[in-house]
Full PDB file with SEQRES, HELIX, SHEET, SSBOND, CRYST1, ORIGX, SCALE, CONECT and MASTER records, all heavy atoms in Angstrom:
SEQRES   1 A   31  LEU GLY LEU LEU TRP GLY LEU ASN TRP PRO ALA VAL LYS          
SEQRES   2 A   31  VAL ALA SER LEU SER ILE ALA SER LEU ALA LEU LEU ALA          
SEQRES   3 A   31  PHE THR LEU GLY ARG                                          
HELIX    1 AA1 GLY A    2  GLY A   30  1                                  29    
CRYST1    1.000    1.000    1.000  90.00  90.00  90.00 P 1           1          
ORIGX1      1.000000  0.000000  0.000000        0.00000                         
ORIGX2      0.000000  1.000000  0.000000        0.00000                         
ORIGX3      0.000000  0.000000  1.000000        0.00000                         
SCALE1      1.000000  0.000000  0.000000        0.00000                         
SCALE2      0.000000  1.000000  0.000000        0.00000                         
SCALE3      0.000000  0.000000  1.000000        0.00000                         
ATOM      1  N   LEU A   1      17.497  -5.065  11.098  1.00  0.00           N  
ATOM      2  CA  LEU A   1      16.210  -5.297  10.419  1.00  0.00           C  
ATOM      3  C   LEU A   1      15.917  -4.145   9.429  1.00  0.00           C  
ATOM      4  O   LEU A   1      15.531  -4.383   8.310  1.00  0.00           O  
ATOM      5  CB  LEU A   1      15.069  -5.388  11.487  1.00  0.00           C  
ATOM      6  CG  LEU A   1      13.691  -5.480  10.947  1.00  0.00           C  
ATOM      7  CD1 LEU A   1      13.554  -6.827  10.131  1.00  0.00           C  
ATOM      8  CD2 LEU A   1      12.605  -5.464  12.064  1.00  0.00           C  
ATOM      9  N   GLY A   2      16.125  -2.917   9.912  1.00  0.00           N  
ATOM     10  CA  GLY A   2      15.853  -1.762   9.062  1.00  0.00           C  
ATOM     11  C   GLY A   2      16.741  -1.823   7.784  1.00  0.00           C  
ATOM     12  O   GLY A   2      16.380  -1.539   6.655  1.00  0.00           O  
ATOM     13  N   LEU A   3      18.092  -2.147   8.003  1.00  0.00           N  
ATOM     14  CA  LEU A   3      18.990  -2.218   6.878  1.00  0.00           C  
ATOM     15  C   LEU A   3      18.589  -3.315   5.861  1.00  0.00           C  
ATOM     16  O   LEU A   3      18.480  -3.119   4.680  1.00  0.00           O  
ATOM     17  CB  LEU A   3      20.393  -2.430   7.374  1.00  0.00           C  
ATOM     18  CG  LEU A   3      21.494  -2.649   6.266  1.00  0.00           C  
ATOM     19  CD1 LEU A   3      21.664  -1.322   5.603  1.00  0.00           C  
ATOM     20  CD2 LEU A   3      22.764  -3.168   6.903  1.00  0.00           C  
ATOM     21  N   LEU A   4      18.260  -4.527   6.365  1.00  0.00           N  
ATOM     22  CA  LEU A   4      17.869  -5.627   5.517  1.00  0.00           C  
ATOM     23  C   LEU A   4      16.526  -5.303   4.803  1.00  0.00           C  
ATOM     24  O   LEU A   4      16.365  -5.659   3.666  1.00  0.00           O  
ATOM     25  CB  LEU A   4      17.782  -6.875   6.350  1.00  0.00           C  
ATOM     26  CG  LEU A   4      19.152  -7.424   6.821  1.00  0.00           C  
ATOM     27  CD1 LEU A   4      18.888  -8.713   7.691  1.00  0.00           C  
ATOM     28  CD2 LEU A   4      20.118  -7.687   5.661  1.00  0.00           C  
ATOM     29  N   TRP A   5      15.618  -4.678   5.515  1.00  0.00           N  
ATOM     30  CA  TRP A   5      14.383  -4.362   4.909  1.00  0.00           C  
ATOM     31  C   TRP A   5      14.564  -3.324   3.797  1.00  0.00           C  
ATOM     32  O   TRP A   5      14.022  -3.427   2.715  1.00  0.00           O  
ATOM     33  CB  TRP A   5      13.388  -3.846   5.987  1.00  0.00           C  
ATOM     34  CG  TRP A   5      11.907  -3.681   5.614  1.00  0.00           C  
ATOM     35  CD1 TRP A   5      11.491  -3.365   4.321  1.00  0.00           C  
ATOM     36  CD2 TRP A   5      10.861  -3.883   6.392  1.00  0.00           C  
ATOM     37  NE1 TRP A   5      10.022  -3.336   4.381  1.00  0.00           N  
ATOM     38  CE2 TRP A   5       9.669  -3.627   5.595  1.00  0.00           C  
ATOM     39  CE3 TRP A   5      10.642  -4.172   7.700  1.00  0.00           C  
ATOM     40  CZ2 TRP A   5       8.416  -3.773   6.166  1.00  0.00           C  
ATOM     41  CZ3 TRP A   5       9.419  -4.283   8.249  1.00  0.00           C  
ATOM     42  CH2 TRP A   5       8.291  -4.070   7.434  1.00  0.00           C  
ATOM     43  N   GLY A   6      15.358  -2.309   4.011  1.00  0.00           N  
ATOM     44  CA  GLY A   6      15.589  -1.306   3.131  1.00  0.00           C  
ATOM     45  C   GLY A   6      16.317  -1.766   1.844  1.00  0.00           C  
ATOM     46  O   GLY A   6      16.211  -1.370   0.723  1.00  0.00           O  
ATOM     47  N   LEU A   7      17.193  -2.778   2.049  1.00  0.00           N  
ATOM     48  CA  LEU A   7      17.924  -3.322   0.921  1.00  0.00           C  
ATOM     49  C   LEU A   7      17.088  -4.404   0.155  1.00  0.00           C  
ATOM     50  O   LEU A   7      17.586  -4.844  -0.906  1.00  0.00           O  
ATOM     51  CB  LEU A   7      19.267  -3.966   1.393  1.00  0.00           C  
ATOM     52  CG  LEU A   7      20.326  -2.931   1.860  1.00  0.00           C  
ATOM     53  CD1 LEU A   7      21.515  -3.642   2.451  1.00  0.00           C  
ATOM     54  CD2 LEU A   7      20.737  -2.034   0.769  1.00  0.00           C  
ATOM     55  N   ASN A   8      16.091  -4.842   0.707  1.00  0.00           N  
ATOM     56  CA  ASN A   8      15.266  -5.901  -0.023  1.00  0.00           C  
ATOM     57  C   ASN A   8      14.759  -5.441  -1.412  1.00  0.00           C  
ATOM     58  O   ASN A   8      14.864  -6.232  -2.346  1.00  0.00           O  
ATOM     59  CB  ASN A   8      14.033  -6.227   0.888  1.00  0.00           C  
ATOM     60  CG  ASN A   8      13.160  -7.254   0.293  1.00  0.00           C  
ATOM     61  OD1 ASN A   8      13.616  -8.231  -0.282  1.00  0.00           O  
ATOM     62  ND2 ASN A   8      11.830  -7.090   0.404  1.00  0.00           N  
ATOM     63  N   TRP A   9      14.265  -4.285  -1.515  1.00  0.00           N  
ATOM     64  CA  TRP A   9      13.704  -3.862  -2.860  1.00  0.00           C  
ATOM     65  C   TRP A   9      14.783  -3.769  -3.906  1.00  0.00           C  
ATOM     66  O   TRP A   9      14.623  -4.309  -4.985  1.00  0.00           O  
ATOM     67  CB  TRP A   9      12.921  -2.545  -2.675  1.00  0.00           C  
ATOM     68  CG  TRP A   9      12.163  -2.156  -3.892  1.00  0.00           C  
ATOM     69  CD1 TRP A   9      11.050  -2.609  -4.331  1.00  0.00           C  
ATOM     70  CD2 TRP A   9      12.708  -1.119  -4.802  1.00  0.00           C  
ATOM     71  NE1 TRP A   9      10.641  -2.018  -5.524  1.00  0.00           N  
ATOM     72  CE2 TRP A   9      11.650  -1.119  -5.873  1.00  0.00           C  
ATOM     73  CE3 TRP A   9      13.812  -0.338  -4.985  1.00  0.00           C  
ATOM     74  CZ2 TRP A   9      11.789  -0.265  -7.018  1.00  0.00           C  
ATOM     75  CZ3 TRP A   9      13.881   0.534  -6.072  1.00  0.00           C  
ATOM     76  CH2 TRP A   9      12.919   0.479  -7.095  1.00  0.00           C  
ATOM     77  N   PRO A  10      15.877  -3.040  -3.652  1.00  0.00           N  
ATOM     78  CA  PRO A  10      16.910  -3.022  -4.705  1.00  0.00           C  
ATOM     79  C   PRO A  10      17.529  -4.379  -4.967  1.00  0.00           C  
ATOM     80  O   PRO A  10      17.890  -4.716  -6.028  1.00  0.00           O  
ATOM     81  CB  PRO A  10      17.934  -2.046  -4.183  1.00  0.00           C  
ATOM     82  CG  PRO A  10      17.640  -1.688  -2.796  1.00  0.00           C  
ATOM     83  CD  PRO A  10      16.196  -2.140  -2.521  1.00  0.00           C  
ATOM     84  N   ALA A  11      17.649  -5.238  -3.900  1.00  0.00           N  
ATOM     85  CA  ALA A  11      18.192  -6.543  -4.116  1.00  0.00           C  
ATOM     86  C   ALA A  11      17.343  -7.399  -5.043  1.00  0.00           C  
ATOM     87  O   ALA A  11      17.803  -8.079  -5.914  1.00  0.00           O  
ATOM     88  CB  ALA A  11      18.348  -7.279  -2.814  1.00  0.00           C  
ATOM     89  N   VAL A  12      16.023  -7.345  -4.854  1.00  0.00           N  
ATOM     90  CA  VAL A  12      15.096  -8.062  -5.685  1.00  0.00           C  
ATOM     91  C   VAL A  12      15.105  -7.566  -7.159  1.00  0.00           C  
ATOM     92  O   VAL A  12      15.167  -8.344  -8.124  1.00  0.00           O  
ATOM     93  CB  VAL A  12      13.655  -8.020  -5.142  1.00  0.00           C  
ATOM     94  CG1 VAL A  12      12.640  -8.471  -6.144  1.00  0.00           C  
ATOM     95  CG2 VAL A  12      13.577  -8.769  -3.844  1.00  0.00           C  
ATOM     96  N   LYS A  13      15.249  -6.187  -7.275  1.00  0.00           N  
ATOM     97  CA  LYS A  13      15.337  -5.613  -8.647  1.00  0.00           C  
ATOM     98  C   LYS A  13      16.584  -6.109  -9.304  1.00  0.00           C  
ATOM     99  O   LYS A  13      16.590  -6.530 -10.519  1.00  0.00           O  
ATOM    100  CB  LYS A  13      15.379  -4.076  -8.557  1.00  0.00           C  
ATOM    101  CG  LYS A  13      14.069  -3.483  -8.366  1.00  0.00           C  
ATOM    102  CD  LYS A  13      13.263  -3.530  -9.560  1.00  0.00           C  
ATOM    103  CE  LYS A  13      12.076  -2.620  -9.400  1.00  0.00           C  
ATOM    104  NZ  LYS A  13      11.219  -2.681 -10.549  1.00  0.00           N  
ATOM    105  N   VAL A  14      17.717  -6.049  -8.674  1.00  0.00           N  
ATOM    106  CA  VAL A  14      18.996  -6.460  -9.205  1.00  0.00           C  
ATOM    107  C   VAL A  14      18.965  -7.953  -9.555  1.00  0.00           C  
ATOM    108  O   VAL A  14      19.404  -8.413 -10.675  1.00  0.00           O  
ATOM    109  CB  VAL A  14      20.184  -6.205  -8.307  1.00  0.00           C  
ATOM    110  CG1 VAL A  14      21.473  -6.834  -8.786  1.00  0.00           C  
ATOM    111  CG2 VAL A  14      20.399  -4.651  -8.170  1.00  0.00           C  
ATOM    112  N   ALA A  15      18.457  -8.754  -8.695  1.00  0.00           N  
ATOM    113  CA  ALA A  15      18.402 -10.202  -8.905  1.00  0.00           C  
ATOM    114  C   ALA A  15      17.460 -10.560 -10.097  1.00  0.00           C  
ATOM    115  O   ALA A  15      17.806 -11.348 -10.937  1.00  0.00           O  
ATOM    116  CB  ALA A  15      17.930 -10.947  -7.719  1.00  0.00           C  
ATOM    117  N   SER A  16      16.278  -9.933 -10.129  1.00  0.00           N  
ATOM    118  CA  SER A  16      15.400 -10.269 -11.222  1.00  0.00           C  
ATOM    119  C   SER A  16      15.842  -9.793 -12.569  1.00  0.00           C  
ATOM    120  O   SER A  16      15.686 -10.521 -13.537  1.00  0.00           O  
ATOM    121  CB  SER A  16      14.024  -9.666 -10.908  1.00  0.00           C  
ATOM    122  OG  SER A  16      14.004  -8.316 -10.801  1.00  0.00           O  
ATOM    123  N   LEU A  17      16.386  -8.577 -12.561  1.00  0.00           N  
ATOM    124  CA  LEU A  17      16.968  -8.164 -13.890  1.00  0.00           C  
ATOM    125  C   LEU A  17      18.123  -8.932 -14.312  1.00  0.00           C  
ATOM    126  O   LEU A  17      18.306  -9.248 -15.502  1.00  0.00           O  
ATOM    127  CB  LEU A  17      17.352  -6.658 -13.790  1.00  0.00           C  
ATOM    128  CG  LEU A  17      16.179  -5.700 -13.671  1.00  0.00           C  
ATOM    129  CD1 LEU A  17      16.672  -4.331 -13.432  1.00  0.00           C  
ATOM    130  CD2 LEU A  17      15.260  -5.719 -14.917  1.00  0.00           C  
ATOM    131  N   SER A  18      18.973  -9.465 -13.354  1.00  0.00           N  
ATOM    132  CA  SER A  18      20.098 -10.254 -13.728  1.00  0.00           C  
ATOM    133  C   SER A  18      19.688 -11.615 -14.282  1.00  0.00           C  
ATOM    134  O   SER A  18      20.174 -12.111 -15.256  1.00  0.00           O  
ATOM    135  CB  SER A  18      20.995 -10.548 -12.485  1.00  0.00           C  
ATOM    136  OG  SER A  18      21.523  -9.314 -12.061  1.00  0.00           O  
ATOM    137  N   ILE A  19      18.668 -12.234 -13.599  1.00  0.00           N  
ATOM    138  CA  ILE A  19      18.090 -13.519 -14.085  1.00  0.00           C  
ATOM    139  C   ILE A  19      17.486 -13.304 -15.469  1.00  0.00           C  
ATOM    140  O   ILE A  19      17.700 -14.159 -16.393  1.00  0.00           O  
ATOM    141  CB  ILE A  19      17.075 -14.056 -13.093  1.00  0.00           C  
ATOM    142  CG1 ILE A  19      17.853 -14.479 -11.836  1.00  0.00           C  
ATOM    143  CG2 ILE A  19      16.320 -15.247 -13.656  1.00  0.00           C  
ATOM    144  CD1 ILE A  19      16.930 -14.839 -10.632  1.00  0.00           C  
ATOM    145  N   ALA A  20      16.717 -12.206 -15.684  1.00  0.00           N  
ATOM    146  CA  ALA A  20      16.104 -12.021 -16.989  1.00  0.00           C  
ATOM    147  C   ALA A  20      17.152 -11.813 -18.021  1.00  0.00           C  
ATOM    148  O   ALA A  20      17.096 -12.280 -19.192  1.00  0.00           O  
ATOM    149  CB  ALA A  20      15.174 -10.725 -16.907  1.00  0.00           C  
ATOM    150  N   SER A  21      18.219 -11.071 -17.744  1.00  0.00           N  
ATOM    151  CA  SER A  21      19.321 -10.844 -18.667  1.00  0.00           C  
ATOM    152  C   SER A  21      20.026 -12.154 -19.114  1.00  0.00           C  
ATOM    153  O   SER A  21      20.291 -12.396 -20.273  1.00  0.00           O  
ATOM    154  CB  SER A  21      20.279  -9.861 -18.170  1.00  0.00           C  
ATOM    155  OG  SER A  21      19.717  -8.646 -17.904  1.00  0.00           O  
ATOM    156  N   LEU A  22      20.285 -12.973 -18.067  1.00  0.00           N  
ATOM    157  CA  LEU A  22      20.944 -14.288 -18.397  1.00  0.00           C  
ATOM    158  C   LEU A  22      19.994 -15.186 -19.179  1.00  0.00           C  
ATOM    159  O   LEU A  22      20.441 -15.859 -20.070  1.00  0.00           O  
ATOM    160  CB  LEU A  22      21.292 -14.954 -17.089  1.00  0.00           C  
ATOM    161  CG  LEU A  22      22.519 -14.291 -16.370  1.00  0.00           C  
ATOM    162  CD1 LEU A  22      22.739 -14.921 -15.015  1.00  0.00           C  
ATOM    163  CD2 LEU A  22      23.768 -14.284 -17.167  1.00  0.00           C  
ATOM    164  N   ALA A  23      18.747 -15.133 -18.853  1.00  0.00           N  
ATOM    165  CA  ALA A  23      17.744 -15.994 -19.690  1.00  0.00           C  
ATOM    166  C   ALA A  23      17.703 -15.484 -21.095  1.00  0.00           C  
ATOM    167  O   ALA A  23      17.663 -16.297 -22.049  1.00  0.00           O  
ATOM    168  CB  ALA A  23      16.405 -15.905 -19.040  1.00  0.00           C  
ATOM    169  N   LEU A  24      17.670 -14.134 -21.325  1.00  0.00           N  
ATOM    170  CA  LEU A  24      17.676 -13.573 -22.671  1.00  0.00           C  
ATOM    171  C   LEU A  24      19.050 -13.957 -23.390  1.00  0.00           C  
ATOM    172  O   LEU A  24      18.929 -14.366 -24.607  1.00  0.00           O  
ATOM    173  CB  LEU A  24      17.542 -12.123 -22.622  1.00  0.00           C  
ATOM    174  CG  LEU A  24      17.534 -11.371 -23.954  1.00  0.00           C  
ATOM    175  CD1 LEU A  24      16.423 -11.786 -24.813  1.00  0.00           C  
ATOM    176  CD2 LEU A  24      17.494  -9.907 -23.757  1.00  0.00           C  
ATOM    177  N   LEU A  25      20.107 -13.879 -22.706  1.00  0.00           N  
ATOM    178  CA  LEU A  25      21.385 -14.265 -23.303  1.00  0.00           C  
ATOM    179  C   LEU A  25      21.324 -15.769 -23.750  1.00  0.00           C  
ATOM    180  O   LEU A  25      21.755 -16.028 -24.860  1.00  0.00           O  
ATOM    181  CB  LEU A  25      22.510 -13.930 -22.393  1.00  0.00           C  
ATOM    182  CG  LEU A  25      23.888 -14.339 -22.882  1.00  0.00           C  
ATOM    183  CD1 LEU A  25      24.266 -13.541 -24.132  1.00  0.00           C  
ATOM    184  CD2 LEU A  25      24.936 -14.098 -21.819  1.00  0.00           C  
ATOM    185  N   ALA A  26      20.935 -16.562 -22.795  1.00  0.00           N  
ATOM    186  CA  ALA A  26      20.930 -18.052 -23.136  1.00  0.00           C  
ATOM    187  C   ALA A  26      19.897 -18.329 -24.263  1.00  0.00           C  
ATOM    188  O   ALA A  26      20.292 -19.145 -25.183  1.00  0.00           O  
ATOM    189  CB  ALA A  26      20.423 -18.844 -21.885  1.00  0.00           C  
ATOM    190  N   PHE A  27      18.781 -17.682 -24.319  1.00  0.00           N  
ATOM    191  CA  PHE A  27      17.777 -17.920 -25.365  1.00  0.00           C  
ATOM    192  C   PHE A  27      18.369 -17.491 -26.743  1.00  0.00           C  
ATOM    193  O   PHE A  27      18.270 -18.200 -27.741  1.00  0.00           O  
ATOM    194  CB  PHE A  27      16.542 -17.205 -25.104  1.00  0.00           C  
ATOM    195  CG  PHE A  27      15.516 -17.332 -26.160  1.00  0.00           C  
ATOM    196  CD1 PHE A  27      14.739 -18.433 -26.279  1.00  0.00           C  
ATOM    197  CD2 PHE A  27      15.271 -16.271 -27.024  1.00  0.00           C  
ATOM    198  CE1 PHE A  27      13.813 -18.616 -27.259  1.00  0.00           C  
ATOM    199  CE2 PHE A  27      14.339 -16.376 -28.047  1.00  0.00           C  
ATOM    200  CZ  PHE A  27      13.574 -17.516 -28.187  1.00  0.00           C  
ATOM    201  N   THR A  28      19.014 -16.303 -26.728  1.00  0.00           N  
ATOM    202  CA  THR A  28      19.587 -15.752 -27.997  1.00  0.00           C  
ATOM    203  C   THR A  28      20.710 -16.605 -28.523  1.00  0.00           C  
ATOM    204  O   THR A  28      20.725 -16.928 -29.714  1.00  0.00           O  
ATOM    205  CB  THR A  28      20.057 -14.317 -27.782  1.00  0.00           C  
ATOM    206  OG1 THR A  28      18.922 -13.555 -27.310  1.00  0.00           O  
ATOM    207  CG2 THR A  28      20.657 -13.744 -29.095  1.00  0.00           C  
ATOM    208  N   LEU A  29      21.665 -16.991 -27.645  1.00  0.00           N  
ATOM    209  CA  LEU A  29      22.736 -17.840 -27.984  1.00  0.00           C  
ATOM    210  C   LEU A  29      22.374 -19.249 -28.415  1.00  0.00           C  
ATOM    211  O   LEU A  29      22.877 -19.871 -29.331  1.00  0.00           O  
ATOM    212  CB  LEU A  29      23.851 -17.826 -26.889  1.00  0.00           C  
ATOM    213  CG  LEU A  29      24.511 -16.467 -26.598  1.00  0.00           C  
ATOM    214  CD1 LEU A  29      25.507 -16.661 -25.444  1.00  0.00           C  
ATOM    215  CD2 LEU A  29      25.188 -15.912 -27.844  1.00  0.00           C  
ATOM    216  N   GLY A  30      21.279 -19.737 -27.718  1.00  0.00           N  
ATOM    217  CA  GLY A  30      20.756 -21.075 -28.039  1.00  0.00           C  
ATOM    218  C   GLY A  30      20.172 -21.106 -29.414  1.00  0.00           C  
ATOM    219  O   GLY A  30      20.140 -22.178 -30.073  1.00  0.00           O  
ATOM    220  N   ARG A  31      19.656 -19.941 -29.884  1.00  0.00           N  
ATOM    221  CA  ARG A  31      19.103 -19.965 -31.281  1.00  0.00           C  
ATOM    222  C   ARG A  31      20.150 -19.541 -32.315  1.00  0.00           C  
ATOM    223  O   ARG A  31      19.779 -19.310 -33.464  1.00  0.00           O  
ATOM    224  CB  ARG A  31      17.909 -18.940 -31.327  1.00  0.00           C  
ATOM    225  CG  ARG A  31      16.774 -19.383 -30.456  1.00  0.00           C  
ATOM    226  CD  ARG A  31      15.585 -18.580 -30.578  1.00  0.00           C  
ATOM    227  NE  ARG A  31      15.055 -18.671 -31.949  1.00  0.00           N  
ATOM    228  CZ  ARG A  31      14.233 -17.791 -32.570  1.00  0.00           C  
ATOM    229  NH1 ARG A  31      13.809 -16.817 -31.895  1.00  0.00           N  
ATOM    230  NH2 ARG A  31      13.806 -18.079 -33.751  1.00  0.00           N  
TER     231      ARG A  31                                                      
MASTER        0    0    0    1    0    0    0    6  230    1    0    3          
END                                                                             
C-alpha cells in the first residue's frame, strides 16, 4: 500500500504529460 501510494503521484505526472505530448503531436501533425 505504501509503495503504490508513493508511486501514485509520479505515475499520474508521467501519464498526464505523456497524454498531453501525444495530443500535441497529433494536433501538430494533423495540421
